[in-house]
Amino acid sequence: AEHLKDLAQMLDDDTVVGIFNEELSREEDGQKRYIDLWRRSEDERCLFARVWRIGRDEWEMQNETGDDHGTIIIKRIAIERARDGLTNDSKIYFRFRVMLPQGEENPFIKTIKPKDRSFLSGFDRLECIDFRLNESRNLPQKISRLLGDSNFSCFNMQQIHFLLAIDVSADYISGHSHFHKCRMLENGLWNKYTGSELSSHMVIYHWKVSHSDGPIRDFNAF
């Protein structure tokens, strides 16, 4: 699909350390279907995760729910292939990007400008960022029923990390909860990964949700 991009090939040595904040070594298989990330523990290596390169027949982005709007991105066959040869407790990792259609309004950002801006020498604008995941009020009925069906409980979210990158000149006013941490974006490290020249004055705000007593059913960041 033209709106999906597999990012496995973007994970070079520097980017892997930047994403996971750990010293990990990469090892590609002979057919370049996956990348194994290894962590060194004392005198031996242990597998941290397998990064799977998603094949063309392993994902899609289209309406799969009849009259309701819904999307299947990673097919079951991709998970089965990625787990081949691994132990049951091994981790597999998919990393992909969903590109928003060019020229259309961003569905996650609402920009509010002053009505009298034409008469002002300068003005501030307000950007409201609203990201929702699995909120019942926003889901089609068929998707809600599937998520509530115990037979579809194989996909359980244990953690959610929401990161927002903005220019340091922007004032952060308020959010849905106190953020986990914030930091300056490392210069030069992420240009290849993002595919564009980033500003040298970017700040990353990081929110984290984790529940030890069960899976996370929904998430909203405002």
Protein backbone atom coordinates (compact mmCIF):
# COMPACT_ATOMS: atom_id res chain seq x y z
CA ALA A 1 0.00 0.00 0.00
CA GLU A 2 1.31 3.44 -0.90
CA HIS A 3 0.51 4.87 2.55
CA LEU A 4 2.57 2.24 4.42
CA LYS A 5 6.35 2.15 4.69
CA ASP A 6 8.39 -0.58 6.35
CA LEU A 7 11.14 0.98 8.49
CA ALA A 8 13.19 -2.14 9.19
CA GLN A 9 15.78 -1.12 6.60
CA MET A 10 16.19 2.23 8.39
CA LEU A 11 17.42 0.61 11.58
CA ASP A 12 21.19 0.99 11.32
CA ASP A 13 23.52 0.67 14.31
CA ASP A 14 23.09 4.28 15.48
CA THR A 15 19.32 4.34 15.04
CA VAL A 16 18.84 1.07 16.94
CA VAL A 17 20.67 2.50 19.95
CA GLY A 18 18.67 5.73 19.65
CA ILE A 19 15.30 3.93 19.59
CA PHE A 20 15.88 1.41 22.37
CA ASN A 21 18.45 3.41 24.36
CA GLU A 22 20.54 0.26 24.78
CA GLU A 23 23.78 -1.05 23.34
CA LEU A 24 22.50 -3.62 20.86
CA SER A 25 24.20 -5.35 17.95
CA ARG A 26 22.47 -6.11 14.65
CA GLU A 27 22.69 -9.35 12.68
CA GLU A 28 20.85 -9.85 9.37
CA ASP A 29 19.87 -13.24 8.04
CA GLY A 30 21.19 -14.40 4.67
CA GLN A 31 17.95 -13.67 2.80
CA LYS A 32 17.50 -10.28 4.50
CA ARG A 33 14.03 -11.14 5.80
CA TYR A 34 14.79 -10.08 9.34
CA ILE A 35 17.30 -8.43 11.66
CA ASP A 36 18.14 -9.98 15.01
CA LEU A 37 19.05 -7.54 17.76
CA TRP A 38 21.38 -8.97 20.36
CA ARG A 39 22.11 -7.78 23.89
CA ARG A 40 25.34 -8.80 25.57
CA SER A 41 24.88 -10.13 29.10
CA GLU A 42 28.20 -10.72 30.85
CA ASP A 43 30.03 -13.20 28.57
CA GLU A 44 27.10 -14.33 26.42
CA ARG A 45 24.64 -12.85 23.95
CA CYS A 46 20.88 -13.02 24.32
CA LEU A 47 18.27 -12.18 21.71
CA PHE A 48 16.62 -8.85 22.45
CA ALA A 49 14.13 -8.93 19.56
CA ARG A 50 13.71 -9.99 15.94
CA VAL A 51 12.89 -7.12 13.58
CA TRP A 52 10.82 -8.48 10.70
CA ARG A 53 10.95 -6.98 7.22
CA ILE A 54 7.30 -6.94 6.17
CA GLY A 55 6.76 -8.54 2.76
CA ARG A 56 4.27 -7.27 0.19
CA ASP A 57 1.92 -10.18 0.84
CA GLU A 58 2.10 -9.70 4.62
CA TRP A 59 0.34 -6.38 5.03
CA GLU A 60 -2.33 -4.23 3.49
CA MET A 61 -4.27 -1.07 4.17
CA GLN A 62 -7.85 -1.28 3.05
CA ASN A 63 -11.44 -1.59 4.20
CA GLU A 64 -11.88 -5.10 5.61
CA THR A 65 -15.12 -4.73 7.53
CA GLY A 66 -17.87 -4.36 4.94
CA ASP A 67 -19.89 -1.21 5.47
CA ASP A 68 -17.74 -0.14 8.44
CA HIS A 69 -14.38 1.52 7.96
CA GLY A 70 -11.54 -0.56 9.32
CA THR A 71 -7.94 -1.42 8.51
CA ILE A 72 -5.78 -4.51 8.66
CA ILE A 73 -2.09 -3.59 8.52
CA ILE A 74 -0.09 -6.66 9.56
CA LYS A 75 -1.51 -10.03 8.53
CA ARG A 76 -1.27 -13.14 10.66
CA ILE A 77 1.09 -14.76 8.13
CA ALA A 78 3.73 -12.12 8.90
CA ILE A 79 3.64 -13.00 12.59
CA GLU A 80 3.82 -16.72 11.87
CA ARG A 81 6.82 -16.30 9.56
CA ALA A 82 8.61 -13.98 11.98
CA ARG A 83 8.20 -16.47 14.85
CA ASP A 84 9.57 -19.39 12.84
CA GLY A 85 12.59 -20.82 14.65
CA LEU A 86 12.14 -18.71 17.77
CA THR A 87 11.21 -19.80 21.28
CA ASN A 88 7.78 -18.92 22.63
CA ASP A 89 9.14 -16.16 24.86
CA SER A 90 11.13 -14.46 22.08
CA LYS A 91 10.05 -11.00 20.97
CA ILE A 92 9.31 -9.98 17.40
CA TYR A 93 9.29 -6.36 16.37
CA PHE A 94 7.51 -4.56 13.55
CA ARG A 95 8.26 -0.95 12.80
CA PHE A 96 6.38 0.86 10.07
CA ARG A 97 5.15 4.33 9.16
CA VAL A 98 1.68 5.35 8.08
CA MET A 99 1.88 8.37 5.78
CA LEU A 100 -1.00 10.81 5.78
CA PRO A 101 -2.39 11.67 2.34
CA GLN A 102 -0.77 14.78 0.89
CA GLY A 103 -2.90 17.89 0.65
CA GLU A 104 -5.50 16.72 3.16
CA GLU A 105 -6.18 18.07 6.61
CA ASN A 106 -4.25 16.33 9.38
CA PRO A 107 -6.82 14.26 11.32
CA PHE A 108 -4.80 14.48 14.55
CA ILE A 109 -4.17 18.25 14.69
CA LYS A 110 -6.68 21.08 14.96
CA THR A 111 -5.14 24.51 14.33
CA ILE A 112 -6.86 27.57 15.78
CA LYS A 113 -5.78 31.02 14.55
CA PRO A 114 -7.05 34.39 15.84
CA LYS A 115 -9.84 35.81 13.70
CA ASP A 116 -8.22 39.25 13.61
CA ARG A 117 -4.79 37.98 12.52
CA SER A 118 -4.97 40.04 9.30
CA PHE A 119 -4.78 43.22 11.40
CA LEU A 120 -1.95 42.05 13.65
CA SER A 121 1.79 42.42 13.12
CA GLY A 122 2.26 39.07 14.80
CA PHE A 123 0.08 36.43 16.43
CA ASP A 124 0.16 33.06 18.15
CA ARG A 125 -1.72 30.02 16.92
CA LEU A 126 -3.00 27.14 18.98
CA GLU A 127 -2.50 23.55 17.83
CA CYS A 128 -4.61 20.90 19.55
CA ILE A 129 -3.28 17.37 19.10
CA ASP A 130 -5.84 14.64 19.70
CA PHE A 131 -4.71 11.02 19.29
CA ARG A 132 -7.12 8.21 20.19
CA LEU A 133 -6.64 4.46 20.18
CA ASN A 134 -9.50 1.95 20.57
CA GLU A 135 -11.89 4.44 22.16
CA SER A 136 -15.34 2.87 21.94
CA ARG A 137 -17.10 6.08 20.90
CA ASN A 138 -14.88 6.33 17.82
CA LEU A 139 -14.98 2.70 16.70
CA PRO A 140 -17.36 1.12 14.20
CA GLN A 141 -19.71 -1.37 15.84
CA LYS A 142 -18.16 -4.36 14.10
CA ILE A 143 -14.66 -3.48 15.36
CA SER A 144 -16.00 -2.92 18.89
CA ARG A 145 -17.62 -6.34 18.88
CA LEU A 146 -14.42 -7.99 17.69
CA LEU A 147 -12.37 -6.29 20.41
CA GLY A 148 -14.89 -7.37 23.03
CA ASP A 149 -14.93 -10.97 21.84
CA SER A 150 -12.77 -13.22 24.02
CA ASN A 151 -11.73 -15.12 20.88
CA PHE A 152 -9.88 -11.99 19.72
CA SER A 153 -7.91 -11.47 22.91
CA CYS A 154 -4.60 -12.54 21.32
CA PHE A 155 -3.68 -8.89 20.77
CA ASN A 156 -3.25 -7.30 24.19
CA MET A 157 -1.51 -3.98 24.70
CA GLN A 158 0.75 -3.95 27.74
CA GLN A 159 2.41 -0.58 27.15
CA ILE A 160 1.82 2.52 25.08
CA HIS A 161 4.46 5.16 24.36
CA PHE A 162 3.27 8.41 22.82
CA LEU A 163 5.98 10.75 21.58
CA LEU A 164 5.50 14.27 20.26
CA ALA A 165 8.29 16.12 18.43
CA ILE A 166 7.92 19.89 18.22
CA ASP A 167 10.18 22.89 17.76
CA VAL A 168 11.66 24.24 20.97
CA SER A 169 10.12 27.66 20.20
CA ALA A 170 6.62 26.21 20.72
CA ASP A 171 5.14 26.56 24.19
CA TYR A 172 3.73 23.37 25.67
CA ILE A 173 0.56 24.48 27.48
CA SER A 174 -1.23 21.42 28.82
CA GLY A 175 -1.77 17.73 28.21
CA HIS A 176 -3.87 14.75 29.18
CA SER A 177 -1.42 13.83 31.93
CA HIS A 178 2.06 14.63 33.13
CA PHE A 179 4.57 13.52 30.54
CA HIS A 180 7.11 10.84 31.36
CA LYS A 181 10.11 12.85 30.23
CA CYS A 182 11.30 15.28 27.58
CA ARG A 183 14.62 15.81 25.82
CA MET A 184 16.26 17.61 22.94
CA LEU A 185 16.35 15.62 19.71
CA GLU A 186 19.87 14.50 18.81
CA ASN A 187 21.18 16.44 15.82
CA GLY A 188 21.80 14.37 12.68
CA LEU A 189 20.82 11.01 14.17
CA TRP A 190 17.25 10.95 12.85
CA ASN A 191 17.52 12.62 9.42
CA LYS A 192 18.00 9.35 7.52
CA TYR A 193 15.30 7.66 9.55
CA THR A 194 12.70 10.36 8.91
CA GLY A 195 13.75 10.97 5.32
CA SER A 196 13.92 14.73 5.80
CA GLU A 197 16.17 17.41 7.23
CA LEU A 198 14.97 18.02 10.75
CA SER A 199 15.33 21.24 12.68
CA SER A 200 18.29 21.30 15.04
CA HIS A 201 16.01 22.62 17.80
CA MET A 202 13.44 19.87 18.27
CA VAL A 203 12.08 18.72 21.63
CA ILE A 204 10.61 15.26 22.25
CA TYR A 205 7.79 14.96 24.80
CA HIS A 206 7.20 11.40 25.94
CA TRP A 207 4.10 9.98 27.62
CA LYS A 208 3.99 6.37 28.80
CA VAL A 209 1.11 4.17 29.93
CA SER A 210 1.76 0.76 31.47
CA HIS A 211 -0.57 -1.50 33.43
CA SER A 212 0.75 -4.45 35.38
CA ASP A 213 -2.73 -5.70 36.29
CA GLY A 214 -3.90 -6.37 32.75
CA PRO A 215 -3.89 -5.20 29.14
CA ILE A 216 -4.66 -1.64 28.10
CA ARG A 217 -8.02 -1.38 26.36
CA ASP A 218 -7.85 2.20 25.04
CA PHE A 219 -5.72 5.31 25.02
CA ASN A 220 -6.23 9.02 24.45
CA ALA A 221 -3.56 11.71 24.23
CA PHE A 222 -4.76 15.30 24.04
